[in-house]
Amino acid sequence: QEQLVESGGGLVQPGGSLRLSCAASGFTLDYFAIGWFRQAPGEGRKGVSCISSRDGSTTYTDSVKGRFTISRDNAKNTVYLQMNSLKPEDTAVYYCRTVEGCLSYGPGDPTYFGSWGQGTPVTVSS
């Protein structure tokens, strides 16, 4: 059964860091572009970052550029989102999903298979 499971979220103070993990099982992650999305309280789900399956290129939405870094470790079948200099507006539930490809500003459309997981909540607060 193909699954992506998010982990690594938690409570962090402004300016702090977290590393989120997106662990794949039942399929080989490196054949897919992977997107990170987030859903803030009272808001819709929005794309945050994407890593390509072709050349490993990465894209980010403007609000996280210079602070977040997406990467993949194919040996561990895992994609990461390193989040530095966190701000209260980064508070959200974070999700990962296989996507058809990466856009210049983040992930494209989700693939036909799979579904949204539980996500991992990130709270940035003093």
C-alpha atoms as a PDB file:
ATOM      1  CA  GLN A   1       0.000   0.000   0.000  1.00  0.00           C
ATOM      2  CA  GLU A   2       1.534   3.277  -1.106  1.00  0.00           C
ATOM      3  CA  GLN A   3       1.819   5.710   1.756  1.00  0.00           C
ATOM      4  CA  LEU A   4       3.476   8.970   2.661  1.00  0.00           C
ATOM      5  CA  VAL A   5       3.699   9.697   6.360  1.00  0.00           C
ATOM      6  CA  GLU A   6       4.615  13.123   7.680  1.00  0.00           C
ATOM      7  CA  SER A   7       6.427  13.642  10.952  1.00  0.00           C
ATOM      8  CA  GLY A   8       8.643  16.103  12.770  1.00  0.00           C
ATOM      9  CA  GLY A   9       6.225  18.867  13.597  1.00  0.00           C
ATOM     10  CA  GLY A  10       5.815  20.424  16.986  1.00  0.00           C
ATOM     11  CA  LEU A  11       5.846  23.609  18.990  1.00  0.00           C
ATOM     12  CA  VAL A  12       8.744  25.971  18.347  1.00  0.00           C
ATOM     13  CA  GLN A  13       9.522  29.576  19.223  1.00  0.00           C
ATOM     14  CA  PRO A  14       9.801  32.248  16.533  1.00  0.00           C
ATOM     15  CA  GLY A  15      13.233  32.078  14.953  1.00  0.00           C
ATOM     16  CA  GLY A  16      13.548  28.393  15.712  1.00  0.00           C
ATOM     17  CA  SER A  17      13.928  25.441  13.392  1.00  0.00           C
ATOM     18  CA  LEU A  18      12.223  22.162  12.627  1.00  0.00           C
ATOM     19  CA  ARG A  19      12.885  19.411  10.132  1.00  0.00           C
ATOM     20  CA  LEU A  20       9.848  17.679   8.746  1.00  0.00           C
ATOM     21  CA  SER A  21      10.064  14.213   7.247  1.00  0.00           C
ATOM     22  CA  CYS A  22       7.949  12.631   4.537  1.00  0.00           C
ATOM     23  CA  ALA A  23       8.560   8.897   4.566  1.00  0.00           C
ATOM     24  CA  ALA A  24       7.383   6.773   1.667  1.00  0.00           C
ATOM     25  CA  SER A  25       6.428   3.129   1.846  1.00  0.00           C
ATOM     26  CA  GLY A  26       5.142   0.789  -0.818  1.00  0.00           C
ATOM     27  CA  PHE A  27       6.737   2.704  -3.682  1.00  0.00           C
ATOM     28  CA  THR A  28      10.009   4.269  -4.700  1.00  0.00           C
ATOM     29  CA  LEU A  29       9.916   7.924  -3.877  1.00  0.00           C
ATOM     30  CA  ASP A  30      12.609   9.081  -6.277  1.00  0.00           C
ATOM     31  CA  TYR A  31      10.396   8.481  -9.308  1.00  0.00           C
ATOM     32  CA  PHE A  32       8.051  11.241  -8.216  1.00  0.00           C
ATOM     33  CA  ALA A  33       8.108  14.925  -7.634  1.00  0.00           C
ATOM     34  CA  ILE A  34       7.168  15.580  -4.025  1.00  0.00           C
ATOM     35  CA  GLY A  35       5.385  18.638  -2.772  1.00  0.00           C
ATOM     36  CA  TRP A  36       4.999  20.061   0.692  1.00  0.00           C
ATOM     37  CA  PHE A  37       1.732  21.801   1.443  1.00  0.00           C
ATOM     38  CA  ARG A  38       0.386  23.505   4.515  1.00  0.00           C
ATOM     39  CA  GLN A  39      -2.983  24.446   5.865  1.00  0.00           C
ATOM     40  CA  ALA A  40      -3.112  27.273   8.365  1.00  0.00           C
ATOM     41  CA  PRO A  41      -6.004  27.628  10.800  1.00  0.00           C
ATOM     42  CA  GLY A  42      -9.085  28.765   8.931  1.00  0.00           C
ATOM     43  CA  GLU A  43      -7.294  28.680   5.577  1.00  0.00           C
ATOM     44  CA  GLY A  44      -7.125  26.379   2.600  1.00  0.00           C
ATOM     45  CA  ARG A  45      -4.278  24.063   1.774  1.00  0.00           C
ATOM     46  CA  LYS A  46      -1.453  25.842  -0.046  1.00  0.00           C
ATOM     47  CA  GLY A  47       1.728  24.685  -1.716  1.00  0.00           C
ATOM     48  CA  VAL A  48       4.979  25.438   0.076  1.00  0.00           C
ATOM     49  CA  SER A  49       7.803  23.662  -1.704  1.00  0.00           C
ATOM     50  CA  CYS A  50       8.542  21.017  -4.295  1.00  0.00           C
ATOM     51  CA  ILE A  51      11.414  18.786  -5.319  1.00  0.00           C
ATOM     52  CA  SER A  52      11.598  17.420  -8.828  1.00  0.00           C
ATOM     53  CA  SER A  53      11.959  13.775  -9.778  1.00  0.00           C
ATOM     54  CA  ARG A  54      13.990  14.667 -12.859  1.00  0.00           C
ATOM     55  CA  ASP A  55      16.976  16.687 -11.744  1.00  0.00           C
ATOM     56  CA  GLY A  56      16.297  17.230  -8.059  1.00  0.00           C
ATOM     57  CA  SER A  57      15.587  20.898  -8.587  1.00  0.00           C
ATOM     58  CA  THR A  58      13.639  22.650  -5.873  1.00  0.00           C
ATOM     59  CA  THR A  59      11.041  25.374  -5.800  1.00  0.00           C
ATOM     60  CA  TYR A  60       9.470  27.411  -3.035  1.00  0.00           C
ATOM     61  CA  THR A  61       6.645  29.776  -2.471  1.00  0.00           C
ATOM     62  CA  ASP A  62       7.905  33.314  -1.938  1.00  0.00           C
ATOM     63  CA  SER A  63       7.047  33.467   1.743  1.00  0.00           C
ATOM     64  CA  VAL A  64       9.478  30.662   2.643  1.00  0.00           C
ATOM     65  CA  LYS A  65      12.347  31.323   0.237  1.00  0.00           C
ATOM     66  CA  GLY A  66      15.639  31.582   2.056  1.00  0.00           C
ATOM     67  CA  ARG A  67      14.203  29.949   5.160  1.00  0.00           C
ATOM     68  CA  PHE A  68      13.004  26.505   4.050  1.00  0.00           C
ATOM     69  CA  THR A  69      14.965  23.826   2.226  1.00  0.00           C
ATOM     70  CA  ILE A  70      13.456  20.731   0.655  1.00  0.00           C
ATOM     71  CA  SER A  71      15.640  17.701   0.053  1.00  0.00           C
ATOM     72  CA  ARG A  72      15.394  13.991  -0.576  1.00  0.00           C
ATOM     73  CA  ASP A  73      17.309  10.989   0.662  1.00  0.00           C
ATOM     74  CA  ASN A  74      16.532   8.223  -1.779  1.00  0.00           C
ATOM     75  CA  ALA A  75      18.334   5.618   0.311  1.00  0.00           C
ATOM     76  CA  LYS A  76      15.869   6.300   3.103  1.00  0.00           C
ATOM     77  CA  ASN A  77      12.940   6.834   0.723  1.00  0.00           C
ATOM     78  CA  THR A  78      12.280  10.109   2.499  1.00  0.00           C
ATOM     79  CA  VAL A  79      11.829  13.768   1.631  1.00  0.00           C
ATOM     80  CA  TYR A  80      12.621  16.449   4.167  1.00  0.00           C
ATOM     81  CA  LEU A  81      11.628  20.021   4.732  1.00  0.00           C
ATOM     82  CA  GLN A  82      14.152  21.925   6.801  1.00  0.00           C
ATOM     83  CA  MET A  83      12.461  24.987   8.229  1.00  0.00           C
ATOM     84  CA  ASN A  84      14.621  27.733   9.703  1.00  0.00           C
ATOM     85  CA  SER A  85      13.846  31.195  11.032  1.00  0.00           C
ATOM     86  CA  LEU A  86      10.292  30.144  11.685  1.00  0.00           C
ATOM     87  CA  LYS A  87       7.623  32.786  11.970  1.00  0.00           C
ATOM     88  CA  PRO A  88       4.185  32.664  13.596  1.00  0.00           C
ATOM     89  CA  GLU A  89       2.631  32.776  10.129  1.00  0.00           C
ATOM     90  CA  ASP A  90       4.266  29.414   9.402  1.00  0.00           C
ATOM     91  CA  THR A  91       1.869  27.833  11.883  1.00  0.00           C
ATOM     92  CA  ALA A  92      -0.070  25.181  10.001  1.00  0.00           C
ATOM     93  CA  VAL A  93      -0.549  21.498   9.466  1.00  0.00           C
ATOM     94  CA  TYR A  94       2.048  20.381   6.934  1.00  0.00           C
ATOM     95  CA  TYR A  95       1.390  17.674   4.365  1.00  0.00           C
ATOM     96  CA  CYS A  96       3.456  15.970   1.719  1.00  0.00           C
ATOM     97  CA  ARG A  97       2.110  14.512  -1.496  1.00  0.00           C
ATOM     98  CA  THR A  98       3.358  13.084  -4.758  1.00  0.00           C
ATOM     99  CA  VAL A  99       2.699  15.627  -7.484  1.00  0.00           C
ATOM    100  CA  GLU A 100       2.804  15.604 -11.267  1.00  0.00           C
ATOM    101  CA  GLY A 101       5.654  18.051 -11.246  1.00  0.00           C
ATOM    102  CA  CYS A 102       7.048  21.197  -9.727  1.00  0.00           C
ATOM    103  CA  LEU A 103       6.023  24.687 -10.690  1.00  0.00           C
ATOM    104  CA  SER A 104       8.298  27.670 -10.348  1.00  0.00           C
ATOM    105  CA  TYR A 105       6.591  28.626  -7.108  1.00  0.00           C
ATOM    106  CA  GLY A 106       5.916  25.218  -5.581  1.00  0.00           C
ATOM    107  CA  PRO A 107       4.172  21.916  -6.209  1.00  0.00           C
ATOM    108  CA  GLY A 108       1.876  21.184  -9.103  1.00  0.00           C
ATOM    109  CA  ASP A 109      -1.180  18.979  -9.060  1.00  0.00           C
ATOM    110  CA  PRO A 110      -1.267  15.840  -6.892  1.00  0.00           C
ATOM    111  CA  THR A 111      -0.900  12.538  -8.686  1.00  0.00           C
ATOM    112  CA  TYR A 112      -3.890  10.335  -9.443  1.00  0.00           C
ATOM    113  CA  PHE A 113      -3.054   7.882  -6.686  1.00  0.00           C
ATOM    114  CA  GLY A 114      -2.975   8.251  -2.947  1.00  0.00           C
ATOM    115  CA  SER A 115      -4.702  10.728  -0.728  1.00  0.00           C
ATOM    116  CA  TRP A 116      -3.957  13.386   1.821  1.00  0.00           C
ATOM    117  CA  GLY A 117      -2.511  11.999   5.018  1.00  0.00           C
ATOM    118  CA  GLN A 118      -2.847  13.245   8.548  1.00  0.00           C
ATOM    119  CA  GLY A 119      -0.101  15.817   8.186  1.00  0.00           C
ATOM    120  CA  THR A 120       2.146  17.033  10.950  1.00  0.00           C
ATOM    121  CA  PRO A 121       1.221  20.172  12.882  1.00  0.00           C
ATOM    122  CA  VAL A 122       3.685  23.012  13.309  1.00  0.00           C
ATOM    123  CA  THR A 123       3.020  25.743  15.831  1.00  0.00           C
ATOM    124  CA  VAL A 124       5.325  28.752  15.971  1.00  0.00           C
ATOM    125  CA  SER A 125       4.657  30.714  19.121  1.00  0.00           C
ATOM    126  CA  SER A 126       6.462  32.250  22.054  1.00  0.00           C
END
